[in-house]
Structures are given as C-alpha cells and as structure tokens.
C-alpha cells in the first residue's frame, strides 16, 4: 500500500507542475485573473473591483484561461482516466 501512496503523491506533484506550466502559457491578464480566482479564492466581482475592470471582461478572461488549460490538458486527462 505505501508504494501506491508514493506513486499517487508523485503523480499529484507532476499534475501540479504541469498545470503551472500551462498557466504560464496564458495571456498575462488571463493568467493573473485565473490565478487570483483559482488559487487566491477571489470572485470575479472582487477581481473586477481590485483592477477596476469590467466584470464581464474578468469573467471572460477566467473562462478563456480555464478553456485553454482544459484544451492543453485534455490528452493527459484521457490518459490518466485509463487507470
């Protein structure tokens, strides 16, 4: 059982590193808003107020970032789901 736990932890670390690399491929503002939303726990409204940006633009940028990451990750997710 411990080997499986170590394998799981290694896989999780690889997944996190991969997601961080994918985030770096995003447009600067998309990346910043996505990070604040996902990792900083800020809502679109909070980001909008902080950066004095239109809330619909913020929502669009977060959605676009999520879509790009999903698209980049898709082949890997399919491979992981085989197990």
C-alpha atoms as a PDB file:
ATOM      1  CA  UNK A   1       0.000   0.000   0.000  1.00  0.00           C
ATOM      2  CA  UNK A   2       2.733   2.584   0.747  1.00  0.00           C
ATOM      3  CA  UNK A   3       4.128   2.277  -2.786  1.00  0.00           C
ATOM      4  CA  UNK A   4       0.769   3.264  -4.173  1.00  0.00           C
ATOM      5  CA  UNK A   5       0.626   6.304  -1.889  1.00  0.00           C
ATOM      6  CA  UNK A   6       4.089   7.394  -3.012  1.00  0.00           C
ATOM      7  CA  UNK A   7       3.076   6.882  -6.633  1.00  0.00           C
ATOM      8  CA  UNK A   8      -0.067   8.910  -6.078  1.00  0.00           C
ATOM      9  CA  UNK A   9       1.903  11.718  -4.461  1.00  0.00           C
ATOM     10  CA  UNK A  10       4.387  11.775  -7.337  1.00  0.00           C
ATOM     11  CA  UNK A  11       1.544  11.888  -9.852  1.00  0.00           C
ATOM     12  CA  UNK A  12      -0.083  14.769  -7.961  1.00  0.00           C
ATOM     13  CA  UNK A  13       3.200  16.692  -7.976  1.00  0.00           C
ATOM     14  CA  UNK A  14       3.577  16.106 -11.729  1.00  0.00           C
ATOM     15  CA  UNK A  15      -0.007  17.274 -12.283  1.00  0.00           C
ATOM     16  CA  UNK A  16       0.584  20.450 -10.281  1.00  0.00           C
ATOM     17  CA  UNK A  17       3.829  21.200 -12.146  1.00  0.00           C
ATOM     18  CA  UNK A  18       2.065  20.608 -15.466  1.00  0.00           C
ATOM     19  CA  UNK A  19      -0.791  22.944 -14.551  1.00  0.00           C
ATOM     20  CA  UNK A  20       1.673  25.635 -13.512  1.00  0.00           C
ATOM     21  CA  UNK A  21       3.455  25.322 -16.869  1.00  0.00           C
ATOM     22  CA  UNK A  22       0.126  25.580 -18.689  1.00  0.00           C
ATOM     23  CA  UNK A  23      -0.797  28.672 -16.722  1.00  0.00           C
ATOM     24  CA  UNK A  24       2.432  30.334 -17.844  1.00  0.00           C
ATOM     25  CA  UNK A  25       1.336  29.898 -21.487  1.00  0.00           C
ATOM     26  CA  UNK A  26      -1.699  32.122 -20.949  1.00  0.00           C
ATOM     27  CA  UNK A  27      -2.015  35.796 -21.821  1.00  0.00           C
ATOM     28  CA  UNK A  28      -0.697  37.898 -18.913  1.00  0.00           C
ATOM     29  CA  UNK A  29      -4.067  39.266 -17.782  1.00  0.00           C
ATOM     30  CA  UNK A  30      -5.836  35.924 -18.289  1.00  0.00           C
ATOM     31  CA  UNK A  31      -3.130  34.280 -16.204  1.00  0.00           C
ATOM     32  CA  UNK A  32      -3.316  36.879 -13.436  1.00  0.00           C
ATOM     33  CA  UNK A  33      -7.110  36.742 -13.153  1.00  0.00           C
ATOM     34  CA  UNK A  34      -7.136  32.940 -13.311  1.00  0.00           C
ATOM     35  CA  UNK A  35      -4.558  32.647 -10.530  1.00  0.00           C
ATOM     36  CA  UNK A  36      -6.406  35.101  -8.328  1.00  0.00           C
ATOM     37  CA  UNK A  37      -9.666  33.259  -8.914  1.00  0.00           C
ATOM     38  CA  UNK A  38      -8.416  29.691  -8.577  1.00  0.00           C
ATOM     39  CA  UNK A  39      -5.574  29.990  -6.096  1.00  0.00           C
ATOM     40  CA  UNK A  40      -6.397  33.278  -4.390  1.00  0.00           C
ATOM     41  CA  UNK A  41     -10.049  32.496  -3.883  1.00  0.00           C
ATOM     42  CA  UNK A  42     -11.182  35.845  -5.301  1.00  0.00           C
ATOM     43  CA  UNK A  43     -14.516  36.101  -7.070  1.00  0.00           C
ATOM     44  CA  UNK A  44     -14.857  37.752 -10.462  1.00  0.00           C
ATOM     45  CA  UNK A  45     -16.509  40.718  -8.739  1.00  0.00           C
ATOM     46  CA  UNK A  46     -13.577  41.106  -6.328  1.00  0.00           C
ATOM     47  CA  UNK A  47     -11.075  40.940  -9.178  1.00  0.00           C
ATOM     48  CA  UNK A  48     -13.161  43.440 -11.129  1.00  0.00           C
ATOM     49  CA  UNK A  49     -13.157  45.882  -8.211  1.00  0.00           C
ATOM     50  CA  UNK A  50      -9.459  45.396  -7.469  1.00  0.00           C
ATOM     51  CA  UNK A  51      -8.332  46.084 -11.034  1.00  0.00           C
ATOM     52  CA  UNK A  52     -11.138  48.480 -11.948  1.00  0.00           C
ATOM     53  CA  UNK A  53     -12.007  46.217 -14.874  1.00  0.00           C
ATOM     54  CA  UNK A  54     -15.430  45.368 -16.277  1.00  0.00           C
ATOM     55  CA  UNK A  55     -16.844  42.282 -14.544  1.00  0.00           C
ATOM     56  CA  UNK A  56     -17.814  40.686 -17.854  1.00  0.00           C
ATOM     57  CA  UNK A  57     -14.226  41.089 -19.077  1.00  0.00           C
ATOM     58  CA  UNK A  58     -12.943  39.448 -15.906  1.00  0.00           C
ATOM     59  CA  UNK A  59     -15.389  36.538 -16.240  1.00  0.00           C
ATOM     60  CA  UNK A  60     -14.456  36.152 -19.889  1.00  0.00           C
ATOM     61  CA  UNK A  61     -10.724  36.093 -19.123  1.00  0.00           C
ATOM     62  CA  UNK A  62     -11.166  33.484 -16.373  1.00  0.00           C
ATOM     63  CA  UNK A  63     -13.335  31.345 -18.639  1.00  0.00           C
ATOM     64  CA  UNK A  64     -10.860  31.689 -21.528  1.00  0.00           C
ATOM     65  CA  UNK A  65      -7.979  30.658 -19.253  1.00  0.00           C
ATOM     66  CA  UNK A  66      -9.912  27.635 -17.982  1.00  0.00           C
ATOM     67  CA  UNK A  67     -10.782  26.625 -21.530  1.00  0.00           C
ATOM     68  CA  UNK A  68      -7.171  26.892 -22.707  1.00  0.00           C
ATOM     69  CA  UNK A  69      -5.906  24.847 -19.771  1.00  0.00           C
ATOM     70  CA  UNK A  70      -8.594  22.229 -20.349  1.00  0.00           C
ATOM     71  CA  UNK A  71      -7.659  22.038 -24.037  1.00  0.00           C
ATOM     72  CA  UNK A  72      -3.954  21.654 -23.273  1.00  0.00           C
ATOM     73  CA  UNK A  73      -4.664  19.095 -20.527  1.00  0.00           C
ATOM     74  CA  UNK A  74      -7.203  17.033 -22.434  1.00  0.00           C
ATOM     75  CA  UNK A  75      -4.808  14.392 -23.820  1.00  0.00           C
ATOM     76  CA  UNK A  76      -3.248  13.910 -20.389  1.00  0.00           C
ATOM     77  CA  UNK A  77      -6.599  13.642 -18.626  1.00  0.00           C
ATOM     78  CA  UNK A  78      -7.733  10.968 -21.081  1.00  0.00           C
ATOM     79  CA  UNK A  79      -4.547   9.032 -20.371  1.00  0.00           C
ATOM     80  CA  UNK A  80      -4.958   9.354 -16.594  1.00  0.00           C
ATOM     81  CA  UNK A  81      -8.594   8.228 -16.768  1.00  0.00           C
ATOM     82  CA  UNK A  82      -7.479   4.931 -18.324  1.00  0.00           C
ATOM     83  CA  UNK A  83      -6.145   3.911 -14.918  1.00  0.00           C
END
